[in-house]
Every structure is written in structure tokens, then in C-alpha cells.
Amino acid sequence: MATFIYVRKSSEGDERQALSIPAQLSELREYADREQLEIAASFEEAKTARKPGRTVFAEMLHRISKGEADSILAWHPDRLARNAVDGGTIIHLLDTSVLRTLIFPTMPFDSSPHGKFMLQIAFGQSKLYVDQLSENIKRGNREKLRKGLWPAFAPLGYVNNRKTRGIDPDLDKAHLIRKMFELYASGDYTLKALTQTMQEVGLRSYRDNVLSVSSIQRMLQNPIYYGAIRFNGEMYEGVHEPIITKKLFDDCQEVMSNRGKKKRKRKHEFLFSGFMSCGSCTCAVTAEKQIGHTYYRCTKKRGVCTEKYLREESLLEQVKAIVEKVSLPDDWAANMLAELDKESEEEKQEHQAAITERESEKEAINAKLDRLLDLRIEGDLDSDEYTRKKNTLVNHKLALDSEIREMQKGSDNRLESMKTFVREARDAKMLLEDDRTSDLPYFCKKLGSKWILSGQTVRCQANRGWGVLLASAGNPDWRRGRDSNPRTGCPVNTLAVCPIRPLWHLSSHS
């Protein structure tokens, strides 16, 4: 009687039950020698038997059906089957005498009706064990999620905390994860370019493998990094420390969804190409070289247009004149920055009221979540509608948490953006130097989103903030004309009535 040895461990990973297969093989071979069994082959498999589909197990049964062996030696029936399909297959092979017997060192078996009945009970107990284990794991996961704890192995950027049963930011990788989100949110990186960049700065998996493009994309879409837990499609509020803000995460999702077609590679690169539109027919303005000079003209894609060519030298002078109008004197900028610092201190005292208001909003959301759960339990909401509404409320609550954290840190985005605006306006005059000409288009796109060429004259529809500077450029009460480095200051009492004062109340300068 030829016998096959079959050994199995329940995990495919090397880190779990690493000695299980060698231990089983050693015990079974000793048993075979002691019982003088003829071993035809050994089959080893590292896969759970909870579901059908084990390839090595199927190969063994196929070879048994071909007559290569007529018995199986295994440590226990649960090594052969933990599901009804595989258990039924074994019983059927015994019924049809394809299998003469099964041999287990841990329990007696004979291929009689009573023996097969006991085998079915053993298979049933094995199935009950994995079913109960699965339910216990699911129940434990649900309890962890209710407490806001991540229920699995920590994602890249975090490490598991055995004491708290939660996750903490990985001190070696968290800053790289944050940088990855910031780079992608800038819109300057494709997923492929970002993957290459993160490889260069040393971001790798826990097993020190290079991250793939799909891995980077999944990380950019994982809400775990801003404090939320998405598990089986449902959102939960996490108690772990976020690595990024919700706003940064949302910015990345917007960049990902708006990633358009690849830009057509230009044959020639001109200073102001793709920069303006025609004031007469709204077509794009293109550039071309003629007799050593660069000219800008309407593309005339909508038909005849009467607009004339404009040489780059003339266009450059006009753009510089506009940039000069929005540049601030150094001492004016210093006084304005000091004023902003003072206002920032005043606003810090007001943050507490805003934090209290958001805490009240959070309490209202908690009440809605409780009511939503009651409706689900009572059967008034189906699973899909409950999940959809719950995810919306949890995301709103997490957004409030993010705002509260920013306020508690003393961050004031509005005033910080104003400070950035003042510094950019102060430094704008540096772009008028000849060696900074190539930086002008980048600054001009900040200054105005729409530039129009009409009658050989370029004009700008300025963005918020910059429009105030342009409109006030001719006011002698606060500017001194075309001095690129003025020495007279702007007194504080003049600052109070200065036309730029309304800029204090702009939330953004872009």
C-alpha cells in the first residue's frame, strides 16, 4: 500500500508557524518508519484550508485518482480539510475506494461507515474552529474600530504599539510620507516621477523593497494618514496621530482626479509662450522667430484677426512695468509684516472661541452618528445607505478635528498667506534685473490668471490682492513713483489709511 504524506501550515508567510512543516514531516516520517509504511511522495503546502482551492492538495488528489497511492498520512484531519468541499471530496474518495484509508498519528481511523462518520465530525469540528476564529477576529476588529484603533498591521509610515494596541508614526518614515503628499499636491509630479523621487530619498517598504507606482498611488488614497480609518469600505475616526492634514489629502485627490492629458512637447520654447490670449478674438497667442527676433501674435484659429505682431523686447518692457507697479518698498513691507505679526497674536486669543464652536459641531455629529446607528439597528436604513451617510459624517468630523489641531498649533493660514504675499510683493522688484528675466512668467502667473494682448499692449486681470496693488499704483499718498529701492518709509499712521490695508482681510492672494 503506497502512501502520500501531506503537511500544511495555515499561513503563507514565513514569519508564522515557521517550524510547523518541518516538525510535521519529522513526526510523520518517524511514524511511517515505525509502522513500515511505503511513502510514495510528500506534499507540502503553506495555505489556509478555510476555503477550497489549494493547488498542492488538488495535485495530490489527482495523483491518487491516477492510482499512484491509495492512502494519505497526515498529522490530523484538520491538515486535510477545514471546509465542506474538501472534506466532502475526501469522504467521496473513500466511498468510491479510490482512497483505501487515511492515517493520523493523533487519532485512529478506519474506512468503515462508523469511521467515516467520525471523520465527518472531525472535519466539522475543524470547520467550526476556523468559523469561530473568523468571528472572533471580526468581533475584535469591530471593537478596535469603535475605539478608533487600526485593527491590522500598521501601514507604511506607522508602527504598531503593543502597549496601546494602536499605531504610532514611524520616526524614520513619517516625514518622507508627508513629503510625498506635499510633492504630489504641488501638481509638478506624475505618479511615476514621484515614485522615482521617493526611491531616491530612501522611502522603501518594511521589507526594504522598492515601492511600485501602484503602491504609491494606494498610499496617496489612504485616509489613514490624515487620521481616518477606512475598513471594508466604511469610515471610522482614528485616535492615532495624523501624519498629514485633511486639506493636504484632499489636495492630492484633486490633483489625481484632474490629472489630464500629457502636454504636447513644443518644438521651441519661448519666454511667454502659452501665456496670453488675444484681446480681439480670445484665441491663444503664439510665438515665432523671424530674422533673429521673437514675435508674439494671435493664432487666428477662429478666423481673420486684425491684431498685429508684438516683439518680445517690447512685451518684456510692458510686463516689467506691471511687475514694478505691484512691487513694495522694503520698509513698507517691513511695517506691514510687523502689523501682521501683531494681528496674528490678537487672533490667537480668538481661536479658543472658534475651537469651542467646532467642538460643539463635533458633539452634534456624534449625536447624528448615534441616531444613524439606531436607525440601522431598527432596520429603517439599509447597509449601503447607512455606510454612505456614516462616511459623510465621519469625514466632516475629521475635517473639524484637523481644523482644531491647526488652531491649537497657533497656525493662521490667512495671515501666513498674507505674509507670503507681502514678501513676494517686496521681492518682485528683483525680477526686473536682467539675470532674472526667465523667472518673470512664473511670477506673472501668480500675479494674474488671465493675460490679454490687444493693440500691441499687454494687460493683466490680476488675482485677488495683486489687483489692489495695481489699482493703487498711481496713488501718491502711499507710493513714490518708479524708484526701485526707495529710502523713505511708510509711517504706521499712514499704513492705517493705506489702500493696501484691505488686503488684511483677504483669505488668499492667489
Protein backbone atom coordinates (compact mmCIF):
# COMPACT_ATOMS: atom_id res chain seq x y z
CA MET A 1 0.00 0.00 0.00
CA ALA A 2 1.64 3.24 -1.21
CA THR A 3 1.07 6.33 0.94
CA PHE A 4 1.31 10.07 0.33
CA ILE A 5 2.45 12.36 3.17
CA TYR A 6 0.60 15.69 3.31
CA VAL A 7 1.73 18.53 5.59
CA ARG A 8 0.31 22.04 5.73
CA LYS A 9 0.58 25.22 7.71
CA SER A 10 -2.18 27.80 7.84
CA SER A 11 -0.19 30.89 6.88
CA GLU A 12 1.61 31.66 3.64
CA GLY A 13 4.03 33.95 5.46
CA ASP A 14 7.40 32.68 6.64
CA GLU A 15 7.13 34.56 9.91
CA ARG A 16 4.21 32.44 11.23
CA GLN A 17 4.43 28.75 12.17
CA ALA A 18 7.92 28.62 10.64
CA LEU A 19 8.63 25.23 12.29
CA SER A 20 5.22 23.70 11.60
CA ILE A 21 6.01 21.92 8.32
CA PRO A 22 9.46 20.59 9.32
CA ALA A 23 8.01 19.39 12.63
CA GLN A 24 5.12 17.63 10.91
CA LEU A 25 7.41 15.98 8.34
CA SER A 26 9.78 14.75 11.01
CA GLU A 27 6.98 13.26 13.12
CA LEU A 28 5.22 11.65 10.14
CA ARG A 29 8.37 10.08 8.72
CA GLU A 30 9.22 8.60 12.12
CA TYR A 31 5.67 7.24 12.30
CA ALA A 32 5.93 5.79 8.77
CA ASP A 33 9.21 4.03 9.66
CA ARG A 34 7.73 2.67 12.85
CA GLU A 35 4.60 1.39 11.08
CA GLN A 36 6.58 0.26 7.99
CA LEU A 37 4.57 2.39 5.57
CA GLU A 38 5.71 2.78 1.97
CA ILE A 39 5.94 6.53 1.26
CA ALA A 40 5.47 7.34 -2.41
CA ALA A 41 5.76 11.14 -2.15
CA SER A 42 5.49 14.08 0.24
CA PHE A 43 3.37 17.17 -0.34
CA GLU A 44 4.00 20.44 1.49
CA GLU A 45 1.70 23.48 1.41
CA ALA A 46 1.57 26.85 3.16
CA LYS A 47 -2.02 27.89 2.64
CA THR A 48 -5.17 28.05 4.72
CA ALA A 49 -7.70 25.25 4.33
CA ARG A 50 -10.62 27.50 5.27
CA LYS A 51 -11.58 27.84 1.60
CA PRO A 52 -11.25 25.40 -1.33
CA GLY A 53 -8.56 25.99 -3.93
CA ARG A 54 -5.28 24.60 -2.56
CA THR A 55 -3.14 23.72 -5.59
CA VAL A 56 -0.82 21.21 -3.89
CA PHE A 57 -3.77 19.46 -2.23
CA ALA A 58 -5.55 19.23 -5.60
CA GLU A 59 -2.41 17.82 -7.23
CA MET A 60 -2.17 15.13 -4.55
CA LEU A 61 -5.80 14.06 -5.05
CA HIS A 62 -5.27 13.98 -8.80
CA ARG A 63 -2.30 11.65 -8.44
CA ILE A 64 -4.31 9.46 -6.06
CA SER A 65 -7.08 9.22 -8.67
CA LYS A 66 -4.41 8.01 -11.13
CA GLY A 67 -3.51 5.18 -8.75
CA GLU A 68 -0.09 6.37 -7.57
CA ALA A 69 -1.14 5.90 -3.93
CA ASP A 70 -4.19 4.72 -2.05
CA SER A 71 -3.72 6.29 1.39
CA ILE A 72 -2.78 9.63 2.97
CA LEU A 73 -0.65 10.15 6.05
CA ALA A 74 -1.34 13.49 7.80
CA TRP A 75 -0.86 14.78 11.33
CA HIS A 76 -4.57 15.48 11.92
CA PRO A 77 -7.79 15.67 9.84
CA ASP A 78 -7.70 19.50 10.08
CA ARG A 79 -4.49 19.40 7.98
CA LEU A 80 -6.55 17.93 5.13
CA ALA A 81 -9.73 19.98 5.29
CA ARG A 82 -11.32 22.86 7.17
CA ASN A 83 -14.15 23.42 4.64
CA ALA A 84 -17.10 21.34 3.49
CA VAL A 85 -15.96 20.99 -0.14
CA ASP A 86 -12.53 19.47 0.57
CA GLY A 87 -13.92 17.35 3.40
CA GLY A 88 -16.66 16.05 1.12
CA THR A 89 -14.10 15.24 -1.58
CA ILE A 90 -12.08 13.11 0.86
CA ILE A 91 -15.21 11.26 2.01
CA HIS A 92 -16.25 10.66 -1.61
CA LEU A 93 -12.84 9.18 -2.49
CA LEU A 94 -13.17 6.84 0.48
CA ASP A 95 -16.71 5.87 -0.58
CA THR A 96 -15.53 5.01 -4.09
CA SER A 97 -12.46 3.13 -2.80
CA VAL A 98 -10.07 5.44 -4.68
CA LEU A 99 -8.70 6.06 -1.19
CA ARG A 100 -8.39 2.94 0.91
CA THR A 101 -7.67 4.70 4.18
CA LEU A 102 -6.38 7.79 5.98
CA ILE A 103 -3.66 7.59 8.62
CA PHE A 104 -3.35 10.04 11.53
CA PRO A 105 -0.86 9.61 14.39
CA THR A 106 -3.13 11.76 16.58
CA MET A 107 -6.34 9.70 16.18
CA PRO A 108 -7.42 6.26 14.94
CA PHE A 109 -9.35 5.88 11.68
CA ASP A 110 -10.81 3.03 9.65
CA SER A 111 -12.71 3.24 6.41
CA SER A 112 -15.92 1.81 7.86
CA PRO A 113 -19.26 3.67 7.95
CA HIS A 114 -18.62 4.50 11.61
CA GLY A 115 -15.06 5.61 10.84
CA LYS A 116 -16.20 7.89 8.02
CA PHE A 117 -18.92 9.29 10.28
CA MET A 118 -16.31 10.16 12.91
CA LEU A 119 -14.13 11.66 10.16
CA GLN A 120 -17.00 13.90 9.12
CA ILE A 121 -17.33 15.03 12.73
CA ALA A 122 -13.59 15.78 12.83
CA PHE A 123 -13.88 17.81 9.61
CA GLY A 124 -16.94 19.57 11.04
CA GLN A 125 -15.06 20.45 14.21
CA SER A 126 -12.19 21.82 12.11
CA LYS A 127 -14.62 23.96 10.14
CA LEU A 128 -16.31 25.13 13.34
CA TYR A 129 -12.91 26.14 14.72
CA VAL A 130 -12.00 28.36 11.75
CA ASP A 131 -15.52 29.80 11.59
CA GLN A 132 -15.41 30.73 15.26
CA LEU A 133 -11.88 32.07 14.87
CA SER A 134 -13.04 34.22 11.97
CA GLU A 135 -15.97 35.57 14.00
CA ASN A 136 -13.71 36.29 16.97
CA ILE A 137 -11.29 38.18 14.72
CA LYS A 138 -14.15 40.16 13.15
CA ARG A 139 -15.60 40.95 16.57
CA GLY A 140 -12.17 42.07 17.80
CA ASN A 141 -11.72 44.23 14.71
CA ARG A 142 -15.13 45.85 15.23
CA GLU A 143 -14.24 46.62 18.85
CA LYS A 144 -10.90 48.15 17.81
CA LEU A 145 -12.59 50.24 15.13
CA ARG A 146 -15.17 51.52 17.63
CA LYS A 147 -12.25 52.67 19.77
CA GLY A 148 -10.54 54.26 16.75
CA LEU A 149 -7.69 51.72 16.66
CA TRP A 150 -6.20 50.39 13.44
CA PRO A 151 -7.02 46.63 13.55
CA ALA A 152 -4.24 45.24 11.38
CA PHE A 153 -0.51 45.52 10.69
CA ALA A 154 0.50 49.17 10.60
CA PRO A 155 0.61 50.77 7.11
CA LEU A 156 3.88 52.22 5.86
CA GLY A 157 4.68 55.34 7.85
CA TYR A 158 3.34 53.91 11.12
CA VAL A 159 4.45 51.24 13.58
CA ASN A 160 2.30 49.05 15.82
CA ASN A 161 2.31 49.95 19.51
CA ARG A 162 1.97 46.76 21.57
CA LYS A 163 1.10 48.64 24.75
CA THR A 164 -1.75 50.76 23.37
CA ARG A 165 -2.72 48.27 20.63
CA GLY A 166 -2.73 51.25 18.28
CA ILE A 167 -0.27 52.69 15.79
CA ASP A 168 2.29 55.49 16.12
CA PRO A 169 4.10 57.49 13.41
CA ASP A 170 7.31 55.81 12.27
CA LEU A 171 10.05 58.31 13.16
CA ASP A 172 12.16 57.14 10.21
CA LYS A 173 9.44 57.20 7.53
CA ALA A 174 6.66 59.60 8.62
CA HIS A 175 8.44 62.71 7.35
CA LEU A 176 9.04 61.01 3.99
CA ILE A 177 5.33 60.14 3.74
CA ARG A 178 4.44 63.77 4.46
CA LYS A 179 6.91 64.96 1.85
CA MET A 180 5.43 62.52 -0.67
CA PHE A 181 1.95 64.04 -0.21
CA GLU A 182 3.32 67.60 -0.42
CA LEU A 183 5.21 66.89 -3.65
CA TYR A 184 2.19 65.29 -5.30
CA ALA A 185 -0.17 68.07 -4.14
CA SER A 186 2.08 70.59 -5.89
CA GLY A 187 0.94 69.15 -9.22
CA ASP A 188 4.51 69.04 -10.52
CA TYR A 189 4.91 65.26 -10.20
CA THR A 190 3.33 62.36 -12.01
CA LEU A 191 2.93 59.14 -10.07
CA LYS A 192 5.89 57.66 -11.93
CA ALA A 193 8.11 60.68 -11.23
CA LEU A 194 7.01 60.73 -7.59
CA THR A 195 7.82 57.03 -7.22
CA GLN A 196 11.32 57.64 -8.58
CA THR A 197 11.82 60.63 -6.28
CA MET A 198 10.70 58.71 -3.18
CA GLN A 199 13.03 55.88 -4.14
CA GLU A 200 15.91 58.35 -4.32
CA VAL A 201 15.17 59.82 -0.88
CA GLY A 202 15.05 56.34 0.64
CA LEU A 203 11.36 55.52 1.15
CA ARG A 204 11.04 51.73 0.98
CA SER A 205 8.69 49.05 2.24
CA TYR A 206 9.07 47.33 5.60
CA ARG A 207 10.94 44.55 3.83
CA ASP A 208 13.23 47.13 2.22
CA ASN A 209 11.71 46.64 -1.23
CA VAL A 210 11.34 49.44 -3.79
CA LEU A 211 7.78 50.79 -3.83
CA SER A 212 5.85 50.40 -7.06
CA VAL A 213 3.77 53.11 -8.73
CA SER A 214 0.57 51.34 -7.67
CA SER A 215 1.80 51.23 -4.06
CA ILE A 216 2.47 54.96 -4.08
CA GLN A 217 -0.99 55.59 -5.56
CA ARG A 218 -2.69 53.46 -2.90
CA MET A 219 -0.83 55.35 -0.18
CA LEU A 220 -1.92 58.70 -1.63
CA GLN A 221 -5.53 57.46 -1.50
CA ASN A 222 -5.35 56.02 2.03
CA PRO A 223 -7.17 58.21 4.59
CA ILE A 224 -5.22 56.62 7.44
CA TYR A 225 -2.58 59.32 7.01
CA TYR A 226 -4.95 62.19 7.95
CA GLY A 227 -6.50 60.34 10.88
CA ALA A 228 -9.36 58.32 9.35
CA ILE A 229 -9.66 54.55 9.11
CA ARG A 230 -11.27 53.02 6.05
CA PHE A 231 -12.06 49.37 6.70
CA ASN A 232 -14.18 47.26 4.34
CA GLY A 233 -15.42 50.44 2.69
CA GLU A 234 -16.59 52.03 5.95
CA MET A 235 -15.01 55.11 7.54
CA TYR A 236 -14.05 55.34 11.21
CA GLU A 237 -12.50 58.09 13.27
CA GLY A 238 -8.98 57.08 14.27
CA VAL A 239 -7.25 58.03 17.53
CA HIS A 240 -3.76 57.75 16.05
CA GLU A 241 -1.62 60.81 15.31
CA PRO A 242 -2.12 62.03 11.71
CA ILE A 243 0.92 62.47 9.51
CA ILE A 244 -0.76 64.98 7.17
CA THR A 245 -3.76 67.31 7.28
CA LYS A 246 -7.09 66.51 5.68
CA LYS A 247 -6.66 69.53 3.39
CA LEU A 248 -3.35 68.17 2.05
CA PHE A 249 -5.01 64.80 1.46
CA ASP A 250 -7.91 66.46 -0.39
CA ASP A 251 -5.46 68.46 -2.49
CA CYS A 252 -3.78 65.23 -3.57
CA GLN A 253 -7.12 63.67 -4.52
CA GLU A 254 -7.94 66.72 -6.61
CA VAL A 255 -4.59 66.56 -8.40
CA MET A 256 -5.10 62.84 -9.05
CA SER A 257 -8.62 63.30 -10.41
CA ASN A 258 -7.63 66.27 -12.55
CA ARG A 259 -4.52 64.68 -13.99
CA GLY A 260 -5.08 65.48 -17.66
CA LYS A 261 -3.55 64.50 -20.92
CA LYS A 262 0.15 64.81 -21.48
CA LYS A 263 1.20 68.19 -22.72
CA ARG A 264 2.36 68.36 -26.29
CA LYS A 265 6.09 68.86 -26.49
CA ARG A 266 6.92 72.23 -28.00
CA LYS A 267 9.35 72.49 -30.86
CA HIS A 268 10.65 75.81 -29.50
CA GLU A 269 10.48 77.24 -26.01
CA PHE A 270 9.70 80.95 -25.79
CA LEU A 271 9.67 83.14 -22.70
CA PHE A 272 5.95 83.95 -22.77
CA SER A 273 4.58 81.03 -24.80
CA GLY A 274 1.18 79.76 -23.64
CA PHE A 275 0.91 82.88 -21.52
CA MET A 276 -1.61 85.22 -23.19
CA SER A 277 -4.81 85.27 -25.19
CA CYS A 278 -5.89 87.63 -27.94
CA GLY A 279 -7.96 90.61 -26.81
CA SER A 280 -9.98 90.66 -30.04
CA CYS A 281 -10.92 87.02 -30.75
CA THR A 282 -9.82 85.30 -27.44
CA CYS A 283 -7.58 82.85 -29.33
CA ALA A 284 -4.26 81.85 -27.83
CA VAL A 285 -1.20 83.98 -28.51
CA THR A 286 1.72 82.11 -30.02
CA ALA A 287 5.35 82.99 -30.67
CA GLU A 288 7.69 82.57 -33.60
CA LYS A 289 11.21 83.59 -34.59
CA GLN A 290 11.71 85.90 -37.55
CA ILE A 291 15.07 87.39 -38.60
CA GLY A 292 16.68 86.92 -35.19
CA HIS A 293 13.76 88.31 -33.19
CA THR A 294 10.86 86.66 -31.35
CA TYR A 295 7.37 87.90 -32.18
CA TYR A 296 4.07 87.18 -30.45
CA ARG A 297 0.82 87.05 -32.42
CA CYS A 298 -2.72 85.68 -32.37
CA THR A 299 -3.08 82.11 -33.65
CA LYS A 300 -6.21 83.23 -35.61
CA LYS A 301 -7.82 79.83 -35.16
CA ARG A 302 -11.28 81.41 -35.22
CA GLY A 303 -10.74 83.23 -38.48
CA VAL A 304 -9.37 86.62 -39.52
CA CYS A 305 -7.95 88.74 -36.69
CA THR A 306 -6.64 92.30 -37.04
CA GLU A 307 -4.25 92.16 -34.09
CA LYS A 308 -0.63 92.93 -35.03
CA TYR A 309 2.65 91.25 -34.07
CA LEU A 310 4.50 92.35 -30.93
CA ARG A 311 8.25 91.94 -30.49
CA GLU A 312 9.42 90.17 -27.34
CA GLU A 313 11.57 93.13 -26.30
CA SER A 314 8.51 95.39 -26.21
CA LEU A 315 6.42 92.76 -24.46
CA LEU A 316 9.14 92.28 -21.84
CA GLU A 317 9.24 96.01 -21.09
CA GLN A 318 5.45 96.10 -20.62
CA VAL A 319 5.49 93.09 -18.32
CA LYS A 320 8.30 94.62 -16.25
CA ALA A 321 6.30 97.82 -15.90
CA ILE A 322 3.36 95.85 -14.49
CA VAL A 323 5.63 93.95 -12.12
CA GLU A 324 7.16 97.22 -10.93
CA LYS A 325 3.69 98.56 -10.12
CA VAL A 326 2.99 95.71 -7.71
CA SER A 327 6.41 95.76 -6.01
CA LEU A 328 6.52 97.09 -2.45
CA PRO A 329 9.35 99.16 -0.94
CA ASP A 330 11.39 97.26 1.62
CA ASP A 331 10.50 99.48 4.59
CA TRP A 332 6.80 99.41 3.71
CA ALA A 333 6.93 95.62 3.59
CA ALA A 334 8.71 95.53 6.97
CA ASN A 335 5.99 97.69 8.59
CA MET A 336 3.25 95.59 7.05
CA LEU A 337 4.83 92.34 8.23
CA ALA A 338 5.11 93.78 11.75
CA GLU A 339 1.44 94.73 11.63
CA LEU A 340 0.54 91.23 10.51
CA ASP A 341 2.54 89.73 13.38
CA LYS A 342 0.59 91.92 15.80
CA GLU A 343 -2.72 90.85 14.30
CA SER A 344 -1.62 87.23 14.42
CA GLU A 345 -1.15 87.50 18.19
CA GLU A 346 -4.61 89.03 18.54
CA GLU A 347 -6.19 86.25 16.52
CA LYS A 348 -4.61 83.57 18.66
CA GLN A 349 -6.80 84.82 21.51
CA GLU A 350 -9.86 84.45 19.30
CA HIS A 351 -9.03 80.87 18.31
CA GLN A 352 -10.38 79.44 21.53
CA ALA A 353 -13.89 80.60 20.70
CA ALA A 354 -13.61 79.01 17.26
CA ILE A 355 -12.33 75.78 18.81
CA THR A 356 -15.29 75.71 21.21
CA GLU A 357 -17.67 76.18 18.28
CA ARG A 358 -16.13 73.28 16.38
CA GLU A 359 -16.25 71.07 19.45
CA SER A 360 -19.99 71.77 19.60
CA GLU A 361 -20.27 70.77 15.94
CA LYS A 362 -18.46 67.53 16.74
CA GLU A 363 -20.92 66.77 19.54
CA ALA A 364 -23.79 67.33 17.12
CA ILE A 365 -22.18 64.95 14.64
CA ASN A 366 -21.73 62.33 17.38
CA ALA A 367 -25.44 62.61 18.13
CA LYS A 368 -26.25 62.12 14.44
CA LEU A 369 -23.97 59.07 14.29
CA ASP A 370 -25.74 57.56 17.30
CA ARG A 371 -29.14 58.21 15.71
CA LEU A 372 -27.90 56.77 12.44
CA LEU A 373 -26.79 53.59 14.20
CA ASP A 374 -30.19 53.31 15.91
CA LEU A 375 -31.93 53.58 12.54
CA ARG A 376 -29.67 50.86 11.14
CA ILE A 377 -30.36 48.55 14.09
CA GLU A 378 -34.10 49.20 13.82
CA GLY A 379 -33.98 48.30 10.13
CA ASP A 380 -35.01 51.76 8.87
CA LEU A 381 -31.75 52.10 6.91
CA ASP A 382 -30.17 49.53 4.61
CA SER A 383 -26.44 48.79 4.82
CA ASP A 384 -25.40 50.86 1.78
CA GLU A 385 -27.30 53.98 2.85
CA TYR A 386 -26.01 53.65 6.42
CA THR A 387 -22.40 53.36 5.21
CA ARG A 388 -22.76 56.31 2.83
CA LYS A 389 -24.26 58.64 5.44
CA LYS A 390 -21.86 57.49 8.14
CA ASN A 391 -18.82 58.08 5.91
CA THR A 392 -20.02 61.63 5.19
CA LEU A 393 -20.44 62.44 8.89
CA VAL A 394 -17.11 60.83 9.89
CA ASN A 395 -15.25 62.78 7.19
CA HIS A 396 -16.89 66.02 8.37
CA LYS A 397 -15.88 65.26 11.93
CA LEU A 398 -12.30 64.50 10.91
CA ALA A 399 -12.18 67.78 8.97
CA LEU A 400 -13.24 69.60 12.16
CA ASP A 401 -10.52 67.74 14.10
CA SER A 402 -7.98 68.86 11.53
CA GLU A 403 -9.11 72.49 11.87
CA ILE A 404 -8.94 72.28 15.66
CA ARG A 405 -5.41 70.88 15.53
CA GLU A 406 -4.31 73.69 13.25
CA MET A 407 -5.81 76.28 15.63
CA GLN A 408 -4.23 74.65 18.66
CA LYS A 409 -0.85 74.84 16.96
CA GLY A 410 -1.42 78.58 16.56
CA SER A 411 -1.40 78.30 12.79
CA ASP A 412 -3.12 81.12 10.94
CA ASN A 413 -3.31 80.26 7.26
CA ARG A 414 -4.92 83.52 6.27
CA LEU A 415 -2.27 85.73 7.84
CA GLU A 416 0.51 83.40 6.75
CA SER A 417 -0.66 83.69 3.15
CA MET A 418 -0.77 87.47 3.57
CA LYS A 419 2.80 87.45 4.87
CA THR A 420 3.84 85.37 1.88
CA PHE A 421 2.04 87.84 -0.38
CA VAL A 422 3.84 90.84 1.16
CA ARG A 423 7.21 89.12 0.85
CA GLU A 424 6.53 88.27 -2.80
CA ALA A 425 5.48 91.86 -3.48
CA ARG A 426 8.63 93.09 -1.71
CA ASP A 427 10.89 90.79 -3.75
CA ALA A 428 9.12 91.44 -7.06
CA LYS A 429 11.50 94.27 -7.95
CA MET A 430 14.37 91.78 -8.04
CA LEU A 431 12.75 90.23 -11.12
CA LEU A 432 13.40 93.44 -13.03
CA GLU A 433 17.09 92.64 -13.16
CA ASP A 434 18.34 91.23 -16.46
CA ASP A 435 19.55 87.94 -14.99
CA ARG A 436 16.09 87.20 -13.54
CA THR A 437 14.11 87.56 -16.76
CA SER A 438 13.41 83.84 -17.01
CA ASP A 439 11.58 83.99 -13.65
CA LEU A 440 9.08 86.60 -14.83
CA PRO A 441 6.49 84.23 -16.39
CA TYR A 442 6.25 82.18 -13.19
CA PHE A 443 5.67 85.30 -11.10
CA CYS A 444 3.21 86.72 -13.61
CA LYS A 445 1.05 83.61 -13.40
CA LYS A 446 0.79 84.29 -9.67
CA LEU A 447 0.02 87.92 -10.32
CA GLY A 448 -2.83 87.29 -12.76
CA SER A 449 -4.60 84.24 -14.12
CA LYS A 450 -5.53 85.93 -17.39
CA TRP A 451 -3.16 88.00 -19.58
CA ILE A 452 -4.52 89.64 -22.72
CA LEU A 453 -2.66 91.07 -25.72
CA SER A 454 -4.62 93.77 -27.53
CA GLY A 455 -3.40 96.63 -29.74
CA GLN A 456 0.21 95.60 -29.12
CA THR A 457 -0.40 96.21 -25.42
CA VAL A 458 -0.48 93.56 -22.73
CA ARG A 459 -2.78 93.87 -19.76
CA CYS A 460 -3.47 91.64 -16.80
CA GLN A 461 -6.61 90.64 -14.96
CA ALA A 462 -4.96 90.46 -11.58
CA ASN A 463 -5.75 87.92 -8.89
CA ARG A 464 -7.07 88.96 -5.52
CA GLY A 465 -4.60 91.07 -3.60
CA TRP A 466 -2.44 91.89 -6.61
CA GLY A 467 -5.40 93.76 -8.08
CA VAL A 468 -5.39 96.10 -5.09
CA LEU A 469 -1.73 96.89 -5.67
CA LEU A 470 -2.29 97.54 -9.38
CA ALA A 471 -5.30 99.76 -8.74
CA SER A 472 -3.40 101.77 -6.12
CA ALA A 473 -0.14 102.02 -8.06
CA GLY A 474 -0.73 105.65 -9.05
CA ASN A 475 -1.73 106.90 -5.60
CA PRO A 476 0.89 109.45 -4.48
CA ASP A 477 -0.22 109.15 -0.86
CA TRP A 478 1.38 105.77 -0.49
CA ARG A 479 3.83 105.27 -3.35
CA ARG A 480 6.74 107.33 -4.58
CA GLY A 481 6.71 106.56 -8.25
CA ARG A 482 9.27 104.44 -10.16
CA ASP A 483 12.02 104.17 -7.52
CA SER A 484 13.08 100.51 -7.37
CA ASN A 485 14.81 100.99 -3.99
CA PRO A 486 13.13 103.83 -2.07
CA ARG A 487 14.60 105.03 1.20
CA THR A 488 11.66 106.89 2.74
CA GLY A 489 9.46 104.81 4.97
CA CYS A 490 5.75 104.35 5.36
CA PRO A 491 4.78 105.55 8.85
CA VAL A 492 2.48 103.37 10.88
CA ASN A 493 -0.23 106.05 10.94
CA THR A 494 -0.07 106.23 7.13
CA LEU A 495 -0.35 102.46 7.00
CA ALA A 496 -3.74 102.64 8.68
CA VAL A 497 -5.24 104.54 5.71
CA CYS A 498 -3.05 102.95 3.05
CA PRO A 499 -5.05 101.45 0.14
CA ILE A 500 -3.33 98.11 0.73
CA ARG A 501 -4.97 97.83 4.16
CA PRO A 502 -7.97 95.87 2.75
CA LEU A 503 -5.53 93.10 1.90
CA TRP A 504 -5.52 92.18 5.60
CA HIS A 505 -8.96 90.71 5.17
CA LEU A 506 -8.27 88.57 2.12
CA SER A 507 -8.17 84.86 2.83
CA SER A 508 -5.90 84.17 -0.14
CA HIS A 509 -3.74 86.15 -2.52
CA SER A 510 -3.83 83.64 -5.33
